[in-house]
Amino acid sequence: MDREQDQSIPQAAPLVEVRRGPIVESRHRGHVAAVGGEGHLVASLGQPKAVTYLRSSAKPFQALPLSTSGAADRFGFNEIELAVACGSHSGEDLHAETVAGMLKKIGLDESFLKCGVHEPFDRETAERLRARGERPTVLRNNCSGKHTGMLALALHLGAPPETYDDPDGPVQQAILLAVSRLSGVAVEDVTVGTDGCGVPVFGVPVRAMALMYARLVAPPPDFDETTRRACQRIVAAMTAHPEMVGGTTERFDTEVMRAARGRVVSKIGAEGVYTAGVLACEAWPRGLGLAFKIEDGEDRRARSTIAIESLRQLGVLDENAREALTPYSRFPVKNHRGDIVGEIKPYFELKRS
């Protein structure tokens, strides 16, 4: 790699330290942005302009046209069903049954879903299926709710349901327009790739990701009333039914929304992406959006640590919420005997703008 190419790589900031005894054995670096409801950057680290894919953090915005188009009302989707359309669910029975019910409402079956098959994220469900010799179906894919919402939108728009994943088709173009509008990034400047579930995925700056969530929880006055209501509807569904966005147990998004008691929308994305929207509160009367990207894509030990510390520094989590999220805020390093020999913890201070 030559010097010019090397200088083009966004310089990430250290965010998490992995200590073994007195030595820092590893560090996770990344880019953080917090944007206020008025659209201004209020805190950051690293390079907020660094471009990355939203991955599953896009799901609430991929569900936005489902509401604005009238498709959700046409097919009678309730709040629980809208929540699962925005989620990366754990593949538990309640998730699979909810998606199956949505497919029934639109008159299609699971053969139309193109998200692929994987084991449920929920450990007990996966173990139960293995014990019975039962293979998971596409309904247990964490993206099955999102894909069913896209199928519903295709039918409502008069498009062939078989083509709902076509980047140039009306479903994905409607979603691209929603991403562009909420992020403030022109359509032609949004980078489009292919997500793990086969549909388009969108690349925008980390700062724009934070703006999307600030606008989701506090739609600006110049948004039309239909879009404003759709944003409010999605936020209400996610915060009222966090178990549909993640799962009943051991899912970080779910636990954040439970701990915040309706004051925060939380959504993870693959490869070390995290996003949150903070509803209007004393600290942030016009709402707040938070987004970060962990440079090495770490999804387990660093992401929740950074998220909780960022929310703490921004004055979002009260004492009760911080206590509830303690199991996710830092982690011990253990040897094979179970002895604690170190710690994984946040090591950063957000720079206020």
Protein backbone atom coordinates (compact mmCIF):
# COMPACT_ATOMS: atom_id res chain seq x y z
CA MET A 1 0.00 0.00 0.00
CA ASP A 2 1.46 3.41 -0.94
CA ARG A 3 1.48 6.50 1.29
CA GLU A 4 -1.44 8.17 -0.55
CA GLN A 5 -3.69 5.13 -0.07
CA ASP A 6 -2.70 4.78 3.58
CA GLN A 7 -3.60 8.43 4.28
CA SER A 8 -7.07 7.87 2.81
CA ILE A 9 -8.01 5.38 5.54
CA PRO A 10 -10.08 7.10 8.27
CA GLN A 11 -8.13 7.23 11.51
CA ALA A 12 -10.10 5.39 14.17
CA ALA A 13 -9.98 6.22 17.90
CA PRO A 14 -9.21 3.69 20.67
CA LEU A 15 -12.50 2.74 22.35
CA VAL A 16 -12.05 -0.50 24.31
CA GLU A 17 -9.06 -2.00 26.09
CA VAL A 18 -8.55 -5.70 26.73
CA ARG A 19 -6.23 -6.01 29.74
CA ARG A 20 -4.50 -9.14 30.98
CA GLY A 21 -2.87 -8.28 34.26
CA PRO A 22 -1.05 -4.93 33.93
CA ILE A 23 -0.70 -5.11 30.13
CA VAL A 24 -3.14 -3.85 27.48
CA GLU A 25 -3.24 -6.93 25.28
CA SER A 26 -5.68 -5.66 22.64
CA ARG A 27 -7.57 -2.53 21.64
CA HIS A 28 -10.74 -2.05 19.61
CA ARG A 29 -10.89 1.21 17.67
CA GLY A 30 -13.66 2.93 15.83
CA HIS A 31 -15.69 5.98 14.87
CA VAL A 32 -18.46 7.50 17.02
CA ALA A 33 -20.97 10.24 16.26
CA ALA A 34 -23.81 11.74 18.29
CA VAL A 35 -26.17 14.13 16.52
CA GLY A 36 -28.79 16.31 18.20
CA GLY A 37 -32.36 16.64 17.04
CA GLU A 38 -31.52 19.90 15.28
CA GLY A 39 -29.02 17.99 13.09
CA HIS A 40 -25.75 19.22 14.59
CA LEU A 41 -22.87 16.97 15.64
CA VAL A 42 -22.72 17.18 19.45
CA ALA A 43 -20.06 14.58 20.28
CA SER A 44 -17.67 12.34 18.37
CA LEU A 45 -14.48 10.30 18.25
CA GLY A 46 -12.46 9.02 15.34
CA GLN A 47 -13.78 10.19 11.97
CA PRO A 48 -17.57 10.81 11.96
CA LYS A 49 -17.37 11.16 8.17
CA ALA A 50 -16.14 7.57 7.76
CA VAL A 51 -18.50 5.68 5.45
CA THR A 52 -19.74 2.24 6.42
CA TYR A 53 -22.76 0.04 5.81
CA LEU A 54 -25.75 0.36 8.11
CA ARG A 55 -26.31 -3.41 7.97
CA SER A 56 -29.26 -4.29 10.24
CA SER A 57 -29.30 -0.81 11.72
CA ALA A 58 -31.18 0.07 8.50
CA LYS A 59 -34.19 -2.08 9.39
CA PRO A 60 -36.43 0.63 10.89
CA PHE A 61 -35.88 2.68 7.72
CA GLN A 62 -36.42 -0.33 5.48
CA ALA A 63 -39.79 -0.64 7.23
CA LEU A 64 -40.62 3.05 6.83
CA PRO A 65 -42.17 2.75 3.32
CA LEU A 66 -44.28 -0.12 4.63
CA SER A 67 -46.04 2.49 6.76
CA THR A 68 -45.85 5.60 4.57
CA SER A 69 -47.23 3.74 1.53
CA GLY A 70 -50.29 2.50 3.39
CA ALA A 71 -49.27 -1.16 3.01
CA ALA A 72 -49.13 -1.79 6.76
CA ASP A 73 -52.70 -0.54 7.16
CA ARG A 74 -53.96 -2.33 4.07
CA PHE A 75 -52.81 -5.69 5.40
CA GLY A 76 -53.75 -4.95 9.00
CA PHE A 77 -50.27 -5.25 10.50
CA ASN A 78 -50.37 -4.61 14.22
CA GLU A 79 -47.70 -3.06 16.44
CA ILE A 80 -46.06 -6.41 17.23
CA GLU A 81 -45.80 -7.26 13.54
CA LEU A 82 -44.34 -3.86 12.72
CA ALA A 83 -41.75 -4.35 15.48
CA VAL A 84 -40.59 -7.69 14.09
CA ALA A 85 -40.30 -6.08 10.64
CA CYS A 86 -37.79 -3.67 12.22
CA GLY A 87 -35.92 -6.34 14.15
CA SER A 88 -33.12 -8.87 14.00
CA HIS A 89 -35.11 -11.40 15.96
CA SER A 90 -33.81 -14.46 17.78
CA GLY A 91 -35.85 -17.03 15.86
CA GLU A 92 -37.93 -18.05 18.86
CA ASP A 93 -41.39 -19.53 18.40
CA LEU A 94 -43.09 -16.18 18.97
CA HIS A 95 -41.01 -14.65 16.17
CA ALA A 96 -41.61 -17.44 13.67
CA GLU A 97 -45.31 -17.51 14.47
CA THR A 98 -45.62 -13.74 14.10
CA VAL A 99 -43.93 -13.77 10.70
CA ALA A 100 -46.09 -16.69 9.59
CA GLY A 101 -49.14 -14.66 10.58
CA MET A 102 -47.93 -11.70 8.54
CA LEU A 103 -47.44 -13.93 5.49
CA LYS A 104 -50.98 -15.25 5.92
CA LYS A 105 -52.34 -11.70 5.99
CA ILE A 106 -50.71 -10.90 2.64
CA GLY A 107 -51.71 -14.23 1.08
CA LEU A 108 -48.23 -15.64 0.56
CA ASP A 109 -46.19 -18.41 2.17
CA GLU A 110 -42.60 -18.75 3.35
CA SER A 111 -41.41 -19.95 -0.07
CA PHE A 112 -41.44 -16.30 -1.17
CA LEU A 113 -38.87 -15.30 1.46
CA LYS A 114 -35.35 -14.87 0.07
CA CYS A 115 -33.43 -14.28 3.30
CA GLY A 116 -31.98 -17.78 3.56
CA VAL A 117 -31.81 -20.15 6.53
CA HIS A 118 -29.65 -20.16 9.65
CA GLU A 119 -29.96 -21.54 13.17
CA PRO A 120 -31.98 -19.40 15.58
CA PHE A 121 -29.95 -16.89 17.56
CA ASP A 122 -31.77 -18.07 20.68
CA ARG A 123 -29.70 -20.88 22.19
CA GLU A 124 -32.56 -22.79 23.79
CA THR A 125 -34.57 -22.76 20.56
CA ALA A 126 -31.58 -23.91 18.52
CA GLU A 127 -30.82 -26.72 20.98
CA ARG A 128 -34.44 -27.83 21.02
CA LEU A 129 -34.56 -28.04 17.22
CA ARG A 130 -31.31 -30.01 17.12
CA ALA A 131 -32.54 -32.42 19.79
CA ARG A 132 -35.64 -33.10 17.69
CA GLY A 133 -33.62 -33.47 14.51
CA GLU A 134 -35.58 -30.55 13.09
CA ARG A 135 -33.98 -28.17 10.62
CA PRO A 136 -34.79 -24.48 11.09
CA THR A 137 -36.96 -22.91 8.42
CA VAL A 138 -36.62 -19.51 6.79
CA LEU A 139 -39.13 -18.16 9.30
CA ARG A 140 -36.46 -18.35 12.01
CA ASN A 141 -33.99 -16.25 10.01
CA ASN A 142 -33.44 -13.03 11.96
CA CYS A 143 -34.45 -11.00 8.88
CA SER A 144 -37.69 -12.84 8.07
CA GLY A 145 -39.85 -10.05 9.48
CA LYS A 146 -38.06 -7.43 7.38
CA HIS A 147 -38.41 -9.53 4.23
CA THR A 148 -42.10 -10.13 4.88
CA GLY A 149 -42.59 -6.38 5.18
CA MET A 150 -40.87 -5.98 1.81
CA LEU A 151 -43.16 -8.58 0.28
CA ALA A 152 -46.18 -6.69 1.61
CA LEU A 153 -44.84 -3.46 0.12
CA ALA A 154 -44.31 -5.16 -3.26
CA LEU A 155 -47.92 -6.35 -3.33
CA HIS A 156 -49.21 -2.93 -2.32
CA LEU A 157 -47.18 -1.24 -5.07
CA GLY A 158 -48.35 -3.76 -7.67
CA ALA A 159 -44.88 -5.22 -8.15
CA PRO A 160 -44.22 -8.95 -8.60
CA PRO A 161 -43.43 -10.33 -5.13
CA GLU A 162 -40.70 -12.50 -6.63
CA THR A 163 -38.67 -9.35 -7.38
CA TYR A 164 -38.92 -7.58 -4.00
CA ASP A 165 -35.13 -7.84 -3.57
CA ASP A 166 -34.30 -6.23 -6.94
CA PRO A 167 -32.15 -3.12 -6.23
CA ASP A 168 -33.78 -1.33 -9.18
CA GLY A 169 -37.34 -2.43 -8.36
CA PRO A 170 -39.97 -0.24 -6.69
CA VAL A 171 -39.58 -1.78 -3.22
CA GLN A 172 -35.86 -1.23 -2.88
CA GLN A 173 -36.02 2.16 -4.60
CA ALA A 174 -38.65 3.29 -2.08
CA ILE A 175 -36.37 2.14 0.73
CA LEU A 176 -33.36 3.91 -0.82
CA LEU A 177 -35.35 7.15 -0.94
CA ALA A 178 -36.27 6.75 2.74
CA VAL A 179 -32.62 6.15 3.68
CA SER A 180 -31.58 9.18 1.65
CA ARG A 181 -34.18 11.46 3.18
CA LEU A 182 -33.54 10.48 6.80
CA SER A 183 -29.74 10.50 6.42
CA GLY A 184 -29.49 13.70 4.41
CA VAL A 185 -27.27 11.87 1.89
CA ALA A 186 -28.25 12.29 -1.75
CA VAL A 187 -29.50 9.11 -3.42
CA GLU A 188 -26.57 9.06 -5.82
CA ASP A 189 -24.13 9.32 -2.91
CA VAL A 190 -25.53 6.37 -0.94
CA THR A 191 -23.28 3.35 -1.46
CA VAL A 192 -25.34 0.24 -2.22
CA GLY A 193 -24.08 -3.28 -1.57
CA THR A 194 -25.69 -6.64 -0.78
CA ASP A 195 -26.51 -7.56 2.80
CA GLY A 196 -26.17 -10.98 4.43
CA CYS A 197 -29.85 -11.66 3.80
CA GLY A 198 -29.61 -10.86 0.10
CA VAL A 199 -31.30 -7.46 -0.14
CA PRO A 200 -29.55 -4.12 -0.72
CA VAL A 201 -27.54 -2.62 2.13
CA PHE A 202 -26.68 1.06 2.36
CA GLY A 203 -23.38 2.79 3.07
CA VAL A 204 -23.40 6.31 4.56
CA PRO A 205 -21.14 8.27 6.93
CA VAL A 206 -21.36 7.36 10.62
CA ARG A 207 -22.55 10.91 11.30
CA ALA A 208 -25.41 10.42 8.81
CA MET A 209 -26.36 7.18 10.59
CA ALA A 210 -26.68 9.13 13.84
CA LEU A 211 -28.77 11.77 12.07
CA MET A 212 -31.12 9.06 10.80
CA TYR A 213 -31.87 7.96 14.34
CA ALA A 214 -32.19 11.53 15.60
CA ARG A 215 -34.79 12.14 12.88
CA LEU A 216 -36.50 8.82 13.54
CA VAL A 217 -37.23 9.66 17.18
CA ALA A 218 -37.81 13.38 16.53
CA PRO A 219 -38.91 13.94 12.92
CA PRO A 220 -38.12 17.50 11.83
CA PRO A 221 -41.02 19.92 11.22
CA ASP A 222 -40.34 20.09 7.48
CA PHE A 223 -41.08 16.37 7.08
CA ASP A 224 -44.56 15.70 5.70
CA GLU A 225 -47.16 14.49 8.16
CA THR A 226 -47.26 10.97 6.68
CA THR A 227 -43.52 10.49 7.25
CA ARG A 228 -43.68 11.98 10.73
CA ARG A 229 -46.50 9.62 11.72
CA ALA A 230 -44.64 6.65 10.24
CA CYS A 231 -41.52 7.49 12.28
CA GLN A 232 -43.59 7.79 15.44
CA ARG A 233 -45.34 4.51 14.68
CA ILE A 234 -42.07 2.64 14.23
CA VAL A 235 -40.57 4.08 17.40
CA ALA A 236 -43.70 3.18 19.37
CA ALA A 237 -43.67 -0.39 18.03
CA MET A 238 -39.99 -0.97 18.80
CA THR A 239 -40.07 0.49 22.30
CA ALA A 240 -43.33 -1.23 23.25
CA HIS A 241 -42.19 -4.64 21.97
CA PRO A 242 -38.39 -4.84 22.32
CA GLU A 243 -38.57 -8.64 22.50
CA MET A 244 -39.63 -8.61 18.83
CA VAL A 245 -36.65 -6.46 17.83
CA GLY A 246 -34.24 -8.86 19.53
CA GLY A 247 -35.47 -11.68 21.73
CA THR A 248 -36.87 -12.60 25.11
CA THR A 249 -33.40 -13.18 26.59
CA GLU A 250 -29.74 -12.32 25.98
CA ARG A 251 -30.29 -9.70 23.28
CA PHE A 252 -28.60 -6.35 23.75
CA ASP A 253 -31.12 -4.22 21.85
CA THR A 254 -33.95 -5.68 23.86
CA GLU A 255 -32.18 -5.11 27.17
CA VAL A 256 -31.30 -1.49 26.33
CA MET A 257 -34.89 -0.67 25.42
CA ARG A 258 -36.21 -2.44 28.50
CA ALA A 259 -33.74 -0.65 30.77
CA ALA A 260 -34.49 2.74 29.19
CA ARG A 261 -38.25 2.14 29.61
CA GLY A 262 -39.35 3.53 26.27
CA ARG A 263 -36.87 6.40 26.10
CA VAL A 264 -34.38 4.81 23.68
CA VAL A 265 -34.60 2.96 20.37
CA SER A 266 -31.65 0.58 20.07
CA LYS A 267 -30.54 -1.32 16.94
CA ILE A 268 -27.36 -3.26 16.29
CA GLY A 269 -25.86 -3.94 12.88
CA ALA A 270 -23.37 -6.57 11.80
CA GLU A 271 -19.62 -5.94 11.68
CA GLY A 272 -19.45 -3.76 14.77
CA VAL A 273 -22.22 -1.28 13.94
CA TYR A 274 -24.50 0.22 16.59
CA THR A 275 -27.20 2.88 16.43
CA ALA A 276 -29.63 4.39 18.91
CA GLY A 277 -32.24 7.12 19.01
CA VAL A 278 -32.90 8.96 22.27
CA LEU A 279 -36.38 10.38 22.58
CA ALA A 280 -36.80 13.93 23.87
CA CYS A 281 -35.69 14.10 27.50
CA GLU A 282 -34.24 16.55 30.02
CA ALA A 283 -30.69 16.10 28.72
CA TRP A 284 -31.74 16.16 25.06
CA PRO A 285 -35.03 18.06 24.71
CA ARG A 286 -34.96 17.71 20.91
CA GLY A 287 -33.83 14.09 20.87
CA LEU A 288 -30.48 12.54 19.97
CA GLY A 289 -29.02 10.04 17.54
CA LEU A 290 -25.98 7.88 18.31
CA ALA A 291 -23.99 5.73 15.90
CA PHE A 292 -20.64 4.03 15.87
CA LYS A 293 -18.61 1.60 13.83
CA ILE A 294 -15.96 -0.63 15.41
CA GLU A 295 -13.14 -0.77 12.90
CA ASP A 296 -12.37 -4.49 13.27
CA GLY A 297 -16.05 -5.46 13.13
CA GLU A 298 -16.12 -6.82 16.70
CA ASP A 299 -19.70 -7.68 17.62
CA ARG A 300 -19.55 -9.23 21.10
CA ARG A 301 -17.14 -7.93 23.72
CA ALA A 302 -16.68 -4.36 22.43
CA ARG A 303 -20.02 -3.24 21.00
CA SER A 304 -22.18 -3.27 24.11
CA THR A 305 -19.30 -1.83 26.15
CA ILE A 306 -19.00 1.18 23.82
CA ALA A 307 -22.76 1.65 23.54
CA ILE A 308 -23.38 1.76 27.28
CA GLU A 309 -20.42 4.03 27.96
CA SER A 310 -21.45 6.40 25.17
CA LEU A 311 -25.02 6.59 26.43
CA ARG A 312 -23.71 7.14 29.96
CA GLN A 313 -21.43 9.98 28.91
CA LEU A 314 -24.29 11.56 26.98
CA GLY A 315 -26.48 11.55 30.09
CA VAL A 316 -29.05 9.17 28.65
CA LEU A 317 -29.02 6.29 31.16
CA ASP A 318 -30.20 6.83 34.71
CA GLU A 319 -28.84 4.84 37.64
CA ASN A 320 -31.48 2.10 37.33
CA ALA A 321 -30.79 1.66 33.62
CA ARG A 322 -27.03 1.49 34.17
CA GLU A 323 -27.54 -1.12 36.87
CA ALA A 324 -29.77 -3.23 34.61
CA LEU A 325 -27.15 -3.11 31.84
CA THR A 326 -24.15 -3.94 34.05
CA PRO A 327 -23.75 -7.46 32.53
CA TYR A 328 -23.15 -5.79 29.14
CA SER A 329 -20.96 -2.86 30.21
CA ARG A 330 -17.62 -4.64 30.76
CA PHE A 331 -16.40 -8.22 30.81
CA PRO A 332 -13.84 -10.23 32.76
CA VAL A 333 -10.99 -11.99 31.01
CA LYS A 334 -10.83 -15.56 32.34
CA ASN A 335 -8.38 -18.41 31.92
CA HIS A 336 -9.41 -22.01 31.31
CA ARG A 337 -9.71 -22.64 35.06
CA GLY A 338 -12.23 -19.85 35.37
CA ASP A 339 -9.88 -17.45 37.16
CA ILE A 340 -10.36 -13.77 36.38
CA VAL A 341 -7.03 -12.57 34.96
CA GLY A 342 -8.03 -9.32 33.27
CA GLU A 343 -10.83 -7.08 32.10
CA ILE A 344 -12.44 -5.72 28.93
CA LYS A 345 -13.61 -2.16 29.51
CA PRO A 346 -14.25 1.15 27.74
CA TYR A 347 -11.36 3.55 27.51
CA PHE A 348 -12.51 6.76 25.83
CA GLU A 349 -14.00 10.18 26.39
CA LEU A 350 -16.34 11.58 23.77
CA LYS A 351 -15.28 14.96 22.38
CA ARG A 352 -18.13 17.47 22.68
CA SER A 353 -18.65 19.75 19.70
